[in-house]
C-alpha atoms as a PDB file:
ATOM      1  CA  MET A   1    -143.175  97.858  72.391  1.00  0.00           C
ATOM      2  CA  PHE A   2    -140.016  97.511  74.523  1.00  0.00           C
ATOM      3  CA  PRO A   3    -139.928  97.391  78.333  1.00  0.00           C
ATOM      4  CA  PHE A   4    -138.423 100.226  80.332  1.00  0.00           C
ATOM      5  CA  GLY A   5    -134.664  99.725  80.430  1.00  0.00           C
ATOM      6  CA  TYR A   6    -134.525  97.608  77.297  1.00  0.00           C
ATOM      7  CA  GLY A   7    -131.190  97.796  75.572  1.00  0.00           C
ATOM      8  CA  LEU A   8    -128.497  95.761  73.947  1.00  0.00           C
ATOM      9  CA  SER A   9    -124.888  95.289  75.007  1.00  0.00           C
ATOM     10  CA  TYR A  10    -121.751  93.828  73.502  1.00  0.00           C
ATOM     11  CA  THR A  11    -121.326  91.635  76.556  1.00  0.00           C
ATOM     12  CA  ASN A  12    -123.321  89.593  79.084  1.00  0.00           C
ATOM     13  CA  PHE A  13    -123.852  90.013  82.810  1.00  0.00           C
ATOM     14  CA  ASP A  14    -124.728  87.563  85.583  1.00  0.00           C
ATOM     15  CA  TYR A  15    -126.511  88.771  88.723  1.00  0.00           C
ATOM     16  CA  ALA A  16    -125.854  87.145  92.106  1.00  0.00           C
ATOM     17  CA  ALA A  17    -128.308  87.137  95.030  1.00  0.00           C
ATOM     18  CA  LEU A  18    -129.799  90.445  96.159  1.00  0.00           C
ATOM     19  CA  HIS A  19    -129.223  91.348  99.821  1.00  0.00           C
ATOM     20  CA  THR A  20    -130.699  93.966 102.124  1.00  0.00           C
ATOM     21  CA  GLY A  21    -129.025  95.309 105.231  1.00  0.00           C
ATOM     22  CA  LYS A  22    -132.227  95.105 107.252  1.00  0.00           C
ATOM     23  CA  LYS A  23    -135.284  92.886 106.834  1.00  0.00           C
ATOM     24  CA  VAL A  24    -137.814  94.551 109.156  1.00  0.00           C
ATOM     25  CA  TYR A  25    -138.767  98.190 109.643  1.00  0.00           C
ATOM     26  CA  ASN A  26    -140.931  98.744 112.733  1.00  0.00           C
ATOM     27  CA  PHE A  27    -143.281 101.721 112.914  1.00  0.00           C
ATOM     28  CA  ASN A  28    -144.560 100.879 116.400  1.00  0.00           C
ATOM     29  CA  GLU A  29    -141.456 102.088 118.238  1.00  0.00           C
ATOM     30  CA  THR A  30    -140.862 105.762 117.467  1.00  0.00           C
ATOM     31  CA  LEU A  31    -141.751 106.066 113.783  1.00  0.00           C
ATOM     32  CA  THR A  32    -138.040 106.420 113.054  1.00  0.00           C
ATOM     33  CA  ALA A  33    -138.309 103.934 110.202  1.00  0.00           C
ATOM     34  CA  PHE A  34    -139.835 106.711 108.091  1.00  0.00           C
ATOM     35  CA  ASN A  35    -136.403 108.382 108.119  1.00  0.00           C
ATOM     36  CA  GLU A  36    -134.439 105.191 107.450  1.00  0.00           C
ATOM     37  CA  THR A  37    -132.914 104.065 104.185  1.00  0.00           C
ATOM     38  CA  LEU A  38    -133.222 100.567 102.786  1.00  0.00           C
ATOM     39  CA  THR A  39    -129.863  99.465 101.358  1.00  0.00           C
ATOM     40  CA  ALA A  40    -129.676  96.690  98.787  1.00  0.00           C
ATOM     41  CA  THR A  41    -126.486  95.180  97.387  1.00  0.00           C
ATOM     42  CA  ILE A  42    -125.943  92.863  94.475  1.00  0.00           C
ATOM     43  CA  LYS A  43    -122.857  91.464  92.763  1.00  0.00           C
ATOM     44  CA  ILE A  44    -122.770  91.635  88.990  1.00  0.00           C
ATOM     45  CA  LYS A  45    -120.241  89.774  86.869  1.00  0.00           C
ATOM     46  CA  ASN A  46    -119.338  90.517  83.275  1.00  0.00           C
ATOM     47  CA  THR A  47    -119.207  87.068  81.665  1.00  0.00           C
ATOM     48  CA  GLY A  48    -118.321  88.353  78.202  1.00  0.00           C
ATOM     49  CA  LYS A  49    -115.072  89.092  76.405  1.00  0.00           C
ATOM     50  CA  LEU A  50    -115.553  92.869  76.296  1.00  0.00           C
ATOM     51  CA  ALA A  51    -115.874  95.522  78.972  1.00  0.00           C
ATOM     52  CA  GLY A  52    -119.381  96.908  79.239  1.00  0.00           C
ATOM     53  CA  LYS A  53    -121.785  99.132  81.123  1.00  0.00           C
ATOM     54  CA  GLU A  54    -124.782  97.735  82.944  1.00  0.00           C
ATOM     55  CA  THR A  55    -127.658  99.718  84.403  1.00  0.00           C
ATOM     56  CA  VAL A  56    -128.958  97.885  87.463  1.00  0.00           C
ATOM     57  CA  GLN A  57    -132.584  98.722  88.175  1.00  0.00           C
ATOM     58  CA  LEU A  58    -134.267  98.184  91.549  1.00  0.00           C
ATOM     59  CA  TYR A  59    -138.038  97.860  91.676  1.00  0.00           C
ATOM     60  CA  VAL A  60    -140.394  97.481  94.647  1.00  0.00           C
ATOM     61  CA  SER A  61    -143.559  95.400  94.586  1.00  0.00           C
ATOM     62  CA  LYS A  62    -146.273  95.179  97.257  1.00  0.00           C
ATOM     63  CA  ALA A  63    -148.712  92.270  96.958  1.00  0.00           C
ATOM     64  CA  SER A  64    -152.121  92.577  98.596  1.00  0.00           C
ATOM     65  CA  SER A  65    -151.876  96.332  98.948  1.00  0.00           C
ATOM     66  CA  ALA A  66    -154.781  98.277 100.452  1.00  0.00           C
ATOM     67  CA  ILE A  67    -154.422 100.768  97.602  1.00  0.00           C
ATOM     68  CA  GLU A  68    -154.036 100.351  93.862  1.00  0.00           C
ATOM     69  CA  ARG A  69    -150.334 100.215  92.988  1.00  0.00           C
ATOM     70  CA  ALA A  70    -148.243  99.461  89.951  1.00  0.00           C
ATOM     71  CA  GLU A  71    -147.039  95.869  89.758  1.00  0.00           C
ATOM     72  CA  LYS A  72    -143.428  97.138  89.973  1.00  0.00           C
ATOM     73  CA  GLU A  73    -142.301 100.617  90.949  1.00  0.00           C
ATOM     74  CA  LEU A  74    -138.807 101.745  89.923  1.00  0.00           C
ATOM     75  CA  LYS A  75    -137.149 103.122  93.067  1.00  0.00           C
ATOM     76  CA  ALA A  76    -133.404 103.172  92.293  1.00  0.00           C
ATOM     77  CA  PHE A  77    -130.923 102.504  89.522  1.00  0.00           C
ATOM     78  CA  LYS A  78    -127.188 102.718  88.954  1.00  0.00           C
ATOM     79  CA  LYS A  79    -125.006 102.421  85.855  1.00  0.00           C
ATOM     80  CA  VAL A  80    -121.679 100.664  86.343  1.00  0.00           C
ATOM     81  CA  MET A  81    -118.733  99.881  84.076  1.00  0.00           C
ATOM     82  CA  ILE A  82    -117.480  96.316  84.428  1.00  0.00           C
ATOM     83  CA  PRO A  83    -114.291  95.063  82.761  1.00  0.00           C
ATOM     84  CA  ALA A  84    -114.372  91.781  80.825  1.00  0.00           C
ATOM     85  CA  GLY A  85    -114.450  88.937  83.361  1.00  0.00           C
ATOM     86  CA  GLY A  86    -114.751  91.453  86.209  1.00  0.00           C
ATOM     87  CA  GLU A  87    -117.240  91.644  89.037  1.00  0.00           C
ATOM     88  CA  VAL A  88    -118.591  94.637  90.955  1.00  0.00           C
ATOM     89  CA  THR A  89    -120.827  95.042  93.974  1.00  0.00           C
ATOM     90  CA  VAL A  90    -123.579  97.551  93.346  1.00  0.00           C
ATOM     91  CA  THR A  91    -125.232  99.334  96.269  1.00  0.00           C
ATOM     92  CA  LEU A  92    -128.653 100.910  95.800  1.00  0.00           C
ATOM     93  CA  ASN A  93    -130.486 102.966  98.434  1.00  0.00           C
ATOM     94  CA  ILE A  94    -134.201 103.600  98.838  1.00  0.00           C
ATOM     95  CA  PRO A  95    -135.457 105.978 101.528  1.00  0.00           C
ATOM     96  CA  VAL A  96    -138.288 104.145 103.317  1.00  0.00           C
ATOM     97  CA  LYS A  97    -140.407 107.293 102.931  1.00  0.00           C
ATOM     98  CA  ASP A  98    -140.311 106.687  99.152  1.00  0.00           C
ATOM     99  CA  LEU A  99    -142.666 103.747  99.786  1.00  0.00           C
ATOM    100  CA  ALA A 100    -145.320 106.098 101.192  1.00  0.00           C
ATOM    101  CA  TYR A 101    -148.626 107.139  99.673  1.00  0.00           C
ATOM    102  CA  TYR A 102    -150.898 109.999 100.662  1.00  0.00           C
ATOM    103  CA  ASP A 103    -153.840 108.753 102.751  1.00  0.00           C
ATOM    104  CA  GLU A 104    -156.784 111.091 102.169  1.00  0.00           C
ATOM    105  CA  LYS A 105    -158.641 109.903 105.291  1.00  0.00           C
ATOM    106  CA  SER A 106    -155.833 110.675 107.732  1.00  0.00           C
ATOM    107  CA  MET A 107    -154.478 113.504 105.540  1.00  0.00           C
ATOM    108  CA  LYS A 108    -150.872 112.352 105.871  1.00  0.00           C
ATOM    109  CA  TRP A 109    -148.213 110.289 104.127  1.00  0.00           C
ATOM    110  CA  VAL A 110    -148.376 106.607 105.079  1.00  0.00           C
ATOM    111  CA  VAL A 111    -146.060 103.648 104.560  1.00  0.00           C
ATOM    112  CA  GLU A 112    -148.296 100.606 104.356  1.00  0.00           C
ATOM    113  CA  PRO A 113    -147.334  97.709 106.668  1.00  0.00           C
ATOM    114  CA  GLY A 114    -146.707  94.314 105.123  1.00  0.00           C
ATOM    115  CA  THR A 115    -144.293  92.345 103.000  1.00  0.00           C
ATOM    116  CA  TYR A 116    -142.558  94.074 100.117  1.00  0.00           C
ATOM    117  CA  LYS A 117    -140.476  92.500  97.388  1.00  0.00           C
ATOM    118  CA  LEU A 118    -137.335  94.041  95.904  1.00  0.00           C
ATOM    119  CA  LEU A 119    -136.618  93.117  92.304  1.00  0.00           C
ATOM    120  CA  ALA A 120    -133.269  93.784  90.605  1.00  0.00           C
ATOM    121  CA  GLY A 121    -132.762  93.471  86.891  1.00  0.00           C
ATOM    122  CA  THR A 122    -131.675  94.867  83.575  1.00  0.00           C
ATOM    123  CA  SER A 123    -135.175  96.044  82.659  1.00  0.00           C
ATOM    124  CA  SER A 124    -138.692  95.937  84.028  1.00  0.00           C
ATOM    125  CA  GLN A 125    -139.227  92.646  82.177  1.00  0.00           C
ATOM    126  CA  ASP A 126    -135.821  91.077  82.903  1.00  0.00           C
ATOM    127  CA  ILE A 127    -135.697  90.624  86.678  1.00  0.00           C
ATOM    128  CA  ARG A 128    -132.603  88.700  87.767  1.00  0.00           C
ATOM    129  CA  ALA A 129    -132.779  88.657  91.590  1.00  0.00           C
ATOM    130  CA  THR A 130    -135.376  89.219  94.322  1.00  0.00           C
ATOM    131  CA  GLU A 131    -135.446  89.762  98.081  1.00  0.00           C
ATOM    132  CA  THR A 132    -138.204  90.549 100.572  1.00  0.00           C
ATOM    133  CA  PHE A 133    -138.468  92.860 103.549  1.00  0.00           C
ATOM    134  CA  ASN A 134    -141.250  93.720 105.985  1.00  0.00           C
ATOM    135  CA  ILE A 135    -142.741  96.846 107.419  1.00  0.00           C
ATOM    136  CA  ILE A 136    -144.667  96.274 110.620  1.00  0.00           C
ATOM    137  CA  GLY A 137    -146.809  98.609 112.661  1.00  0.00           C
ATOM    138  CA  ASP A 138    -149.973 100.630 112.317  1.00  0.00           C
ATOM    139  CA  LYS A 139    -150.681 103.077 109.516  1.00  0.00           C
END
């Protein structure tokens, strides 16, 4: 009946643009991207008159996937306390290997090449900011 992360607060929050430290992860070089971490940052401002806690949720979406995937997969979240009128920068990390699936044909974990979308929001149905990144290379 309610989306994951649904909740009420005594205050309101505005989300700024979502940023990633790196836009492309290349698997053709030495497969080191599998051990890398994707870092996303977002500024959140408390626009209300009361201090409040906000749980920032970071989802990943992969359009045109070779395998069946959920529309949005929760990959990271962080709860922060923000004073009235205050602003904080929230940093969320996702190990690139957390994007992998088990390929039965090759019998190994695979990170599918292509464009991925990061979605930050207050719940799975209240997405406030998005950003894309790419994984290139062969499976």
